[in-house]
């Protein structure tokens, strides 16, 4: 593991699990580390990061929708269906 000399395989796997990586992503990244494929490893990690960030943005939009609904209900004092 020349790419990450000072980090144990166990720590890398735990970090990736904590980051929400799938078992498949973890296996592929470990394979990259063991084979010294730094660029591929970085691309895989960046792709996962992008996916997590997309999820955060989607959930932020959901919160904004709820905040708007709560605001409208509070402002109107009466809900008519």
PDB file of N, CA and C in Angstrom:
ATOM      1  N   UNK A   1       0.822  -1.181   0.000  1.00  0.00           N
ATOM      2  CA  UNK A   1       0.000   0.000   0.000  1.00  0.00           C
ATOM      3  C   UNK A   1       0.868   1.249   0.000  1.00  0.00           C
ATOM      4  N   UNK A   2       1.574   1.464  -1.054  1.00  0.00           N
ATOM      5  CA  UNK A   2       2.462   2.612  -1.150  1.00  0.00           C
ATOM      6  C   UNK A   2       1.716   3.941  -1.197  1.00  0.00           C
ATOM      7  N   UNK A   3       0.479   3.911  -1.689  1.00  0.00           N
ATOM      8  CA  UNK A   3      -0.284   5.151  -1.802  1.00  0.00           C
ATOM      9  C   UNK A   3      -0.581   5.726  -0.416  1.00  0.00           C
ATOM     10  N   UNK A   4      -0.950   4.892   0.508  1.00  0.00           N
ATOM     11  CA  UNK A   4      -1.310   5.332   1.857  1.00  0.00           C
ATOM     12  C   UNK A   4      -0.463   4.579   2.878  1.00  0.00           C
ATOM     13  N   UNK A   5       0.788   4.918   2.957  1.00  0.00           N
ATOM     14  CA  UNK A   5       1.746   4.202   3.789  1.00  0.00           C
ATOM     15  C   UNK A   5       1.425   4.231   5.277  1.00  0.00           C
ATOM     16  N   UNK A   6       0.913   5.345   5.755  1.00  0.00           N
ATOM     17  CA  UNK A   6       0.755   5.530   7.194  1.00  0.00           C
ATOM     18  C   UNK A   6      -0.651   5.205   7.706  1.00  0.00           C
ATOM     19  N   UNK A   7      -1.496   4.653   6.845  1.00  0.00           N
ATOM     20  CA  UNK A   7      -2.864   4.329   7.247  1.00  0.00           C
ATOM     21  C   UNK A   7      -3.087   2.836   7.035  1.00  0.00           C
ATOM     22  N   UNK A   8      -3.619   2.169   8.042  1.00  0.00           N
ATOM     23  CA  UNK A   8      -3.841   0.731   7.914  1.00  0.00           C
ATOM     24  C   UNK A   8      -5.035   0.452   7.004  1.00  0.00           C
ATOM     25  N   UNK A   9      -5.049  -0.729   6.426  1.00  0.00           N
ATOM     26  CA  UNK A   9      -6.153  -1.159   5.573  1.00  0.00           C
ATOM     27  C   UNK A   9      -7.456  -1.121   6.359  1.00  0.00           C
ATOM     28  N   UNK A  10      -7.408  -1.553   7.591  1.00  0.00           N
ATOM     29  CA  UNK A  10      -8.587  -1.559   8.455  1.00  0.00           C
ATOM     30  C   UNK A  10      -9.134  -0.137   8.631  1.00  0.00           C
ATOM     31  N   UNK A  11      -8.241   0.828   8.850  1.00  0.00           N
ATOM     32  CA  UNK A  11      -8.656   2.222   9.027  1.00  0.00           C
ATOM     33  C   UNK A  11      -9.245   2.800   7.736  1.00  0.00           C
ATOM     34  N   UNK A  12      -8.665   2.436   6.607  1.00  0.00           N
ATOM     35  CA  UNK A  12      -9.172   2.908   5.320  1.00  0.00           C
ATOM     36  C   UNK A  12     -10.592   2.375   5.106  1.00  0.00           C
ATOM     37  N   UNK A  13     -10.766   1.098   5.345  1.00  0.00           N
ATOM     38  CA  UNK A  13     -12.084   0.472   5.165  1.00  0.00           C
ATOM     39  C   UNK A  13     -13.101   1.109   6.107  1.00  0.00           C
ATOM     40  N   UNK A  14     -12.734   1.330   7.358  1.00  0.00           N
ATOM     41  CA  UNK A  14     -13.664   1.939   8.306  1.00  0.00           C
ATOM     42  C   UNK A  14     -14.024   3.355   7.880  1.00  0.00           C
ATOM     43  N   UNK A  15     -13.039   4.116   7.427  1.00  0.00           N
ATOM     44  CA  UNK A  15     -13.293   5.478   6.974  1.00  0.00           C
ATOM     45  C   UNK A  15     -14.261   5.485   5.802  1.00  0.00           C
ATOM     46  N   UNK A  16     -14.070   4.571   4.872  1.00  0.00           N
ATOM     47  CA  UNK A  16     -14.938   4.499   3.703  1.00  0.00           C
ATOM     48  C   UNK A  16     -16.350   4.064   4.089  1.00  0.00           C
ATOM     49  N   UNK A  17     -16.465   3.137   5.046  1.00  0.00           N
ATOM     50  CA  UNK A  17     -17.793   2.749   5.542  1.00  0.00           C
ATOM     51  C   UNK A  17     -18.476   3.935   6.195  1.00  0.00           C
ATOM     52  N   UNK A  18     -17.722   4.679   7.012  1.00  0.00           N
ATOM     53  CA  UNK A  18     -18.264   5.857   7.679  1.00  0.00           C
ATOM     54  C   UNK A  18     -18.717   6.907   6.662  1.00  0.00           C
ATOM     55  N   UNK A  19     -18.066   6.931   5.512  1.00  0.00           N
ATOM     56  CA  UNK A  19     -18.409   7.883   4.450  1.00  0.00           C
ATOM     57  C   UNK A  19     -19.562   7.377   3.583  1.00  0.00           C
ATOM     58  N   UNK A  20     -20.081   6.191   3.908  1.00  0.00           N
ATOM     59  CA  UNK A  20     -21.227   5.670   3.180  1.00  0.00           C
ATOM     60  C   UNK A  20     -20.892   4.936   1.896  1.00  0.00           C
ATOM     61  N   UNK A  21     -19.640   4.544   1.731  1.00  0.00           N
ATOM     62  CA  UNK A  21     -19.248   3.809   0.527  1.00  0.00           C
ATOM     63  C   UNK A  21     -19.834   2.395   0.552  1.00  0.00           C
ATOM     64  N   UNK A  22     -20.230   1.922  -0.616  1.00  0.00           N
ATOM     65  CA  UNK A  22     -20.728   0.550  -0.731  1.00  0.00           C
ATOM     66  C   UNK A  22     -19.553  -0.426  -0.616  1.00  0.00           C
ATOM     67  N   UNK A  23     -19.883  -1.681  -0.345  1.00  0.00           N
ATOM     68  CA  UNK A  23     -18.831  -2.705  -0.292  1.00  0.00           C
ATOM     69  C   UNK A  23     -18.086  -2.785  -1.616  1.00  0.00           C
ATOM     70  N   UNK A  24     -18.813  -2.638  -2.719  1.00  0.00           N
ATOM     71  CA  UNK A  24     -18.194  -2.690  -4.046  1.00  0.00           C
ATOM     72  C   UNK A  24     -17.198  -1.536  -4.225  1.00  0.00           C
ATOM     73  N   UNK A  25     -17.590  -0.343  -3.820  1.00  0.00           N
ATOM     74  CA  UNK A  25     -16.694   0.816  -3.923  1.00  0.00           C
ATOM     75  C   UNK A  25     -15.467   0.618  -3.055  1.00  0.00           C
ATOM     76  N   UNK A  26     -15.673   0.117  -1.846  1.00  0.00           N
ATOM     77  CA  UNK A  26     -14.545  -0.133  -0.940  1.00  0.00           C
ATOM     78  C   UNK A  26     -13.595  -1.149  -1.563  1.00  0.00           C
ATOM     79  N   UNK A  27     -14.133  -2.244  -2.073  1.00  0.00           N
ATOM     80  CA  UNK A  27     -13.279  -3.274  -2.702  1.00  0.00           C
ATOM     81  C   UNK A  27     -12.493  -2.700  -3.866  1.00  0.00           C
ATOM     82  N   UNK A  28     -13.151  -1.904  -4.709  1.00  0.00           N
ATOM     83  CA  UNK A  28     -12.465  -1.313  -5.861  1.00  0.00           C
ATOM     84  C   UNK A  28     -11.376  -0.346  -5.429  1.00  0.00           C
ATOM     85  N   UNK A  29     -11.654   0.431  -4.390  1.00  0.00           N
ATOM     86  CA  UNK A  29     -10.652   1.385  -3.904  1.00  0.00           C
ATOM     87  C   UNK A  29      -9.467   0.671  -3.266  1.00  0.00           C
ATOM     88  N   UNK A  30      -9.731  -0.365  -2.491  1.00  0.00           N
ATOM     89  CA  UNK A  30      -8.639  -1.144  -1.897  1.00  0.00           C
ATOM     90  C   UNK A  30      -7.782  -1.760  -2.997  1.00  0.00           C
ATOM     91  N   UNK A  31      -8.434  -2.251  -4.041  1.00  0.00           N
ATOM     92  CA  UNK A  31      -7.706  -2.808  -5.182  1.00  0.00           C
ATOM     93  C   UNK A  31      -6.804  -1.741  -5.813  1.00  0.00           C
ATOM     94  N   UNK A  32      -7.329  -0.532  -5.967  1.00  0.00           N
ATOM     95  CA  UNK A  32      -6.524   0.565  -6.519  1.00  0.00           C
ATOM     96  C   UNK A  32      -5.317   0.863  -5.637  1.00  0.00           C
ATOM     97  N   UNK A  33      -5.544   0.877  -4.331  1.00  0.00           N
ATOM     98  CA  UNK A  33      -4.451   1.150  -3.399  1.00  0.00           C
ATOM     99  C   UNK A  33      -3.378   0.074  -3.513  1.00  0.00           C
ATOM    100  N   UNK A  34      -3.821  -1.183  -3.509  1.00  0.00           N
ATOM    101  CA  UNK A  34      -2.866  -2.293  -3.558  1.00  0.00           C
ATOM    102  C   UNK A  34      -2.091  -2.333  -4.874  1.00  0.00           C
ATOM    103  N   UNK A  35      -2.699  -1.853  -5.941  1.00  0.00           N
ATOM    104  CA  UNK A  35      -2.040  -1.871  -7.252  1.00  0.00           C
ATOM    105  C   UNK A  35      -1.395  -0.538  -7.614  1.00  0.00           C
ATOM    106  N   UNK A  36      -1.447   0.423  -6.677  1.00  0.00           N
ATOM    107  CA  UNK A  36      -0.778   1.705  -6.890  1.00  0.00           C
ATOM    108  C   UNK A  36      -1.454   2.595  -7.917  1.00  0.00           C
ATOM    109  N   UNK A  37      -2.745   2.426  -8.119  1.00  0.00           N
ATOM    110  CA  UNK A  37      -3.469   3.221  -9.120  1.00  0.00           C
ATOM    111  C   UNK A  37      -4.102   4.443  -8.449  1.00  0.00           C
ATOM    112  N   UNK A  38      -3.241   5.395  -8.161  1.00  0.00           N
ATOM    113  CA  UNK A  38      -3.634   6.601  -7.421  1.00  0.00           C
ATOM    114  C   UNK A  38      -4.716   7.398  -8.152  1.00  0.00           C
ATOM    115  N   UNK A  39      -4.550   7.647  -9.433  1.00  0.00           N
ATOM    116  CA  UNK A  39      -5.508   8.464 -10.181  1.00  0.00           C
ATOM    117  C   UNK A  39      -6.893   7.823 -10.207  1.00  0.00           C
ATOM    118  N   UNK A  40      -6.948   6.513 -10.421  1.00  0.00           N
ATOM    119  CA  UNK A  40      -8.230   5.812 -10.422  1.00  0.00           C
ATOM    120  C   UNK A  40      -8.869   5.881  -9.034  1.00  0.00           C
ATOM    121  N   UNK A  41      -8.067   5.723  -7.995  1.00  0.00           N
ATOM    122  CA  UNK A  41      -8.556   5.817  -6.628  1.00  0.00           C
ATOM    123  C   UNK A  41      -9.168   7.190  -6.374  1.00  0.00           C
ATOM    124  N   UNK A  42      -8.459   8.233  -6.762  1.00  0.00           N
ATOM    125  CA  UNK A  42      -8.960   9.590  -6.550  1.00  0.00           C
ATOM    126  C   UNK A  42     -10.248   9.835  -7.325  1.00  0.00           C
ATOM    127  N   UNK A  43     -10.357   9.296  -8.531  1.00  0.00           N
ATOM    128  CA  UNK A  43     -11.582   9.445  -9.322  1.00  0.00           C
ATOM    129  C   UNK A  43     -12.754   8.740  -8.650  1.00  0.00           C
ATOM    130  N   UNK A  44     -12.511   7.568  -8.126  1.00  0.00           N
ATOM    131  CA  UNK A  44     -13.575   6.818  -7.439  1.00  0.00           C
ATOM    132  C   UNK A  44     -14.033   7.551  -6.180  1.00  0.00           C
ATOM    133  N   UNK A  45     -13.094   8.065  -5.416  1.00  0.00           N
ATOM    134  CA  UNK A  45     -13.449   8.805  -4.206  1.00  0.00           C
ATOM    135  C   UNK A  45     -14.180  10.102  -4.547  1.00  0.00           C
ATOM    136  N   UNK A  46     -13.738  10.774  -5.606  1.00  0.00           N
ATOM    137  CA  UNK A  46     -14.402  12.007  -6.037  1.00  0.00           C
ATOM    138  C   UNK A  46     -15.831  11.721  -6.509  1.00  0.00           C
ATOM    139  N   UNK A  47     -16.030  10.594  -7.175  1.00  0.00           N
ATOM    140  CA  UNK A  47     -17.372  10.225  -7.638  1.00  0.00           C
ATOM    141  C   UNK A  47     -18.292   9.976  -6.448  1.00  0.00           C
ATOM    142  N   UNK A  48     -17.781   9.307  -5.428  1.00  0.00           N
ATOM    143  CA  UNK A  48     -18.607   9.059  -4.247  1.00  0.00           C
ATOM    144  C   UNK A  48     -18.918  10.376  -3.538  1.00  0.00           C
ATOM    145  N   UNK A  49     -17.938  11.236  -3.437  1.00  0.00           N
ATOM    146  CA  UNK A  49     -18.140  12.540  -2.797  1.00  0.00           C
ATOM    147  C   UNK A  49     -19.219  13.322  -3.533  1.00  0.00           C
ATOM    148  N   UNK A  50     -19.155  13.309  -4.838  1.00  0.00           N
ATOM    149  CA  UNK A  50     -20.145  14.007  -5.654  1.00  0.00           C
ATOM    150  C   UNK A  50     -21.548  13.460  -5.410  1.00  0.00           C
ATOM    151  N   UNK A  51     -21.654  12.146  -5.306  1.00  0.00           N
ATOM    152  CA  UNK A  51     -22.939  11.503  -5.038  1.00  0.00           C
ATOM    153  C   UNK A  51     -23.493  11.919  -3.678  1.00  0.00           C
ATOM    154  N   UNK A  52     -22.627  11.954  -2.672  1.00  0.00           N
ATOM    155  CA  UNK A  52     -23.054  12.364  -1.330  1.00  0.00           C
ATOM    156  C   UNK A  52     -23.502  13.823  -1.351  1.00  0.00           C
ATOM    157  N   UNK A  53     -22.752  14.666  -2.048  1.00  0.00           N
ATOM    158  CA  UNK A  53     -23.099  16.084  -2.124  1.00  0.00           C
ATOM    159  C   UNK A  53     -24.428  16.292  -2.847  1.00  0.00           C
ATOM    160  N   UNK A  54     -24.679  15.524  -3.907  1.00  0.00           N
ATOM    161  CA  UNK A  54     -25.963  15.587  -4.602  1.00  0.00           C
ATOM    162  C   UNK A  54     -27.103  15.239  -3.654  1.00  0.00           C
ATOM    163  N   UNK A  55     -26.906  14.245  -2.810  1.00  0.00           N
ATOM    164  CA  UNK A  55     -27.925  13.853  -1.830  1.00  0.00           C
ATOM    165  C   UNK A  55     -28.197  14.983  -0.839  1.00  0.00           C
ATOM    166  N   UNK A  56     -27.146  15.622  -0.396  1.00  0.00           N
ATOM    167  CA  UNK A  56     -27.295  16.738   0.541  1.00  0.00           C
ATOM    168  C   UNK A  56     -28.096  17.857  -0.108  1.00  0.00           C
ATOM    169  N   UNK A  57     -27.768  18.190  -1.346  1.00  0.00           N
ATOM    170  CA  UNK A  57     -28.486  19.266  -2.040  1.00  0.00           C
ATOM    171  C   UNK A  57     -29.960  18.911  -2.234  1.00  0.00           C
ATOM    172  N   UNK A  58     -30.236  17.675  -2.571  1.00  0.00           N
ATOM    173  CA  UNK A  58     -31.618  17.218  -2.741  1.00  0.00           C
ATOM    174  C   UNK A  58     -32.381  17.370  -1.420  1.00  0.00           C
ATOM    175  N   UNK A  59     -31.758  16.978  -0.316  1.00  0.00           N
ATOM    176  CA  UNK A  59     -32.407  17.089   0.986  1.00  0.00           C
ATOM    177  C   UNK A  59     -32.546  18.542   1.428  1.00  0.00           C
ATOM    178  N   UNK A  60     -31.593  19.394   1.058  1.00  0.00           N
ATOM    179  CA  UNK A  60     -31.724  20.822   1.360  1.00  0.00           C
ATOM    180  C   UNK A  60     -32.941  21.412   0.656  1.00  0.00           C
ATOM    181  N   UNK A  61     -33.163  21.005  -0.604  1.00  0.00           N
ATOM    182  CA  UNK A  61     -34.334  21.480  -1.343  1.00  0.00           C
ATOM    183  C   UNK A  61     -35.619  21.006  -0.666  1.00  0.00           C
ATOM    184  N   UNK A  62     -35.619  19.785  -0.154  1.00  0.00           N
ATOM    185  CA  UNK A  62     -36.793  19.277   0.557  1.00  0.00           C
ATOM    186  C   UNK A  62     -37.061  20.093   1.816  1.00  0.00           C
ATOM    187  N   UNK A  63     -36.019  20.443   2.539  1.00  0.00           N
ATOM    188  CA  UNK A  63     -36.167  21.267   3.741  1.00  0.00           C
ATOM    189  C   UNK A  63     -36.715  22.642   3.372  1.00  0.00           C
ATOM    190  N   UNK A  64     -36.215  23.222   2.287  1.00  0.00           N
ATOM    191  CA  UNK A  64     -36.710  24.525   1.838  1.00  0.00           C
ATOM    192  C   UNK A  64     -38.199  24.459   1.504  1.00  0.00           C
ATOM    193  N   UNK A  65     -38.639  23.380   0.871  1.00  0.00           N
ATOM    194  CA  UNK A  65     -40.059  23.204   0.562  1.00  0.00           C
ATOM    195  C   UNK A  65     -40.887  23.132   1.836  1.00  0.00           C
ATOM    196  N   UNK A  66     -40.405  22.368   2.804  1.00  0.00           N
ATOM    197  CA  UNK A  66     -41.117  22.272   4.083  1.00  0.00           C
ATOM    198  C   UNK A  66     -41.148  23.617   4.809  1.00  0.00           C
ATOM    199  N   UNK A  67     -40.031  24.319   4.804  1.00  0.00           N
ATOM    200  CA  UNK A  67     -39.978  25.639   5.446  1.00  0.00           C
ATOM    201  C   UNK A  67     -40.978  26.587   4.801  1.00  0.00           C
ATOM    202  N   UNK A  68     -41.079  26.548   3.482  1.00  0.00           N
ATOM    203  CA  UNK A  68     -42.026  27.408   2.768  1.00  0.00           C
ATOM    204  C   UNK A  68     -43.459  27.056   3.151  1.00  0.00           C
ATOM    205  N   UNK A  69     -43.768  25.756   3.218  1.00  0.00           N
ATOM    206  CA  UNK A  69     -45.111  25.328   3.590  1.00  0.00           C
ATOM    207  C   UNK A  69     -45.448  25.771   5.012  1.00  0.00           C
ATOM    208  N   UNK A  70     -44.527  25.576   5.936  1.00  0.00           N
ATOM    209  CA  UNK A  70     -44.735  26.001   7.317  1.00  0.00           C
ATOM    210  C   UNK A  70     -44.943  27.515   7.369  1.00  0.00           C
ATOM    211  N   UNK A  71     -44.153  28.263   6.621  1.00  0.00           N
ATOM    212  CA  UNK A  71     -44.293  29.722   6.569  1.00  0.00           C
ATOM    213  C   UNK A  71     -45.675  30.113   6.062  1.00  0.00           C
ATOM    214  N   UNK A  72     -46.111  29.495   4.965  1.00  0.00           N
ATOM    215  CA  UNK A  72     -47.410  29.820   4.381  1.00  0.00           C
ATOM    216  C   UNK A  72     -48.543  29.489   5.340  1.00  0.00           C
ATOM    217  N   UNK A  73     -48.468  28.335   5.991  1.00  0.00           N
ATOM    218  CA  UNK A  73     -49.500  27.940   6.941  1.00  0.00           C
ATOM    219  C   UNK A  73     -49.528  28.904   8.123  1.00  0.00           C
ATOM    220  N   UNK A  74     -48.365  29.280   8.629  1.00  0.00           N
ATOM    221  CA  UNK A  74     -48.279  30.211   9.746  1.00  0.00           C
ATOM    222  C   UNK A  74     -48.793  31.590   9.384  1.00  0.00           C
ATOM    223  N   UNK A  75     -48.542  31.992   8.161  1.00  0.00           N
ATOM    224  CA  UNK A  75     -48.944  33.336   7.693  1.00  0.00           C
ATOM    225  C   UNK A  75     -50.451  33.413   7.498  1.00  0.00           C
ATOM    226  N   UNK A  76     -51.053  32.356   6.985  1.00  0.00           N
ATOM    227  CA  UNK A  76     -52.471  32.390   6.635  1.00  0.00           C
ATOM    228  C   UNK A  76     -53.384  32.008   7.801  1.00  0.00           C
ATOM    229  N   UNK A  77     -52.866  31.342   8.793  1.00  0.00           N
ATOM    230  CA  UNK A  77     -53.617  30.945   9.984  1.00  0.00           C
ATOM    231  C   UNK A  77     -54.759  29.971   9.690  1.00  0.00           C
ATOM    232  N   UNK A  78     -55.094  29.781   8.443  1.00  0.00           N
ATOM    233  CA  UNK A  78     -56.176  28.869   8.097  1.00  0.00           C
ATOM    234  C   UNK A  78     -55.776  28.077   6.863  1.00  0.00           C
ATOM    235  N   UNK A  79     -55.930  26.779   6.938  1.00  0.00           N
ATOM    236  CA  UNK A  79     -55.589  25.917   5.809  1.00  0.00           C
ATOM    237  C   UNK A  79     -56.897  25.477   5.154  1.00  0.00           C
ATOM    238  N   UNK A  80     -57.031  25.765   3.869  1.00  0.00           N
ATOM    239  CA  UNK A  80     -58.221  25.389   3.118  1.00  0.00           C
ATOM    240  C   UNK A  80     -57.811  24.354   2.083  1.00  0.00           C
ATOM    241  N   UNK A  81     -58.494  23.221   2.097  1.00  0.00           N
ATOM    242  CA  UNK A  81     -58.211  22.169   1.105  1.00  0.00           C
ATOM    243  C   UNK A  81     -59.323  22.092   0.086  1.00  0.00           C
TER     244      UNK A  81
END
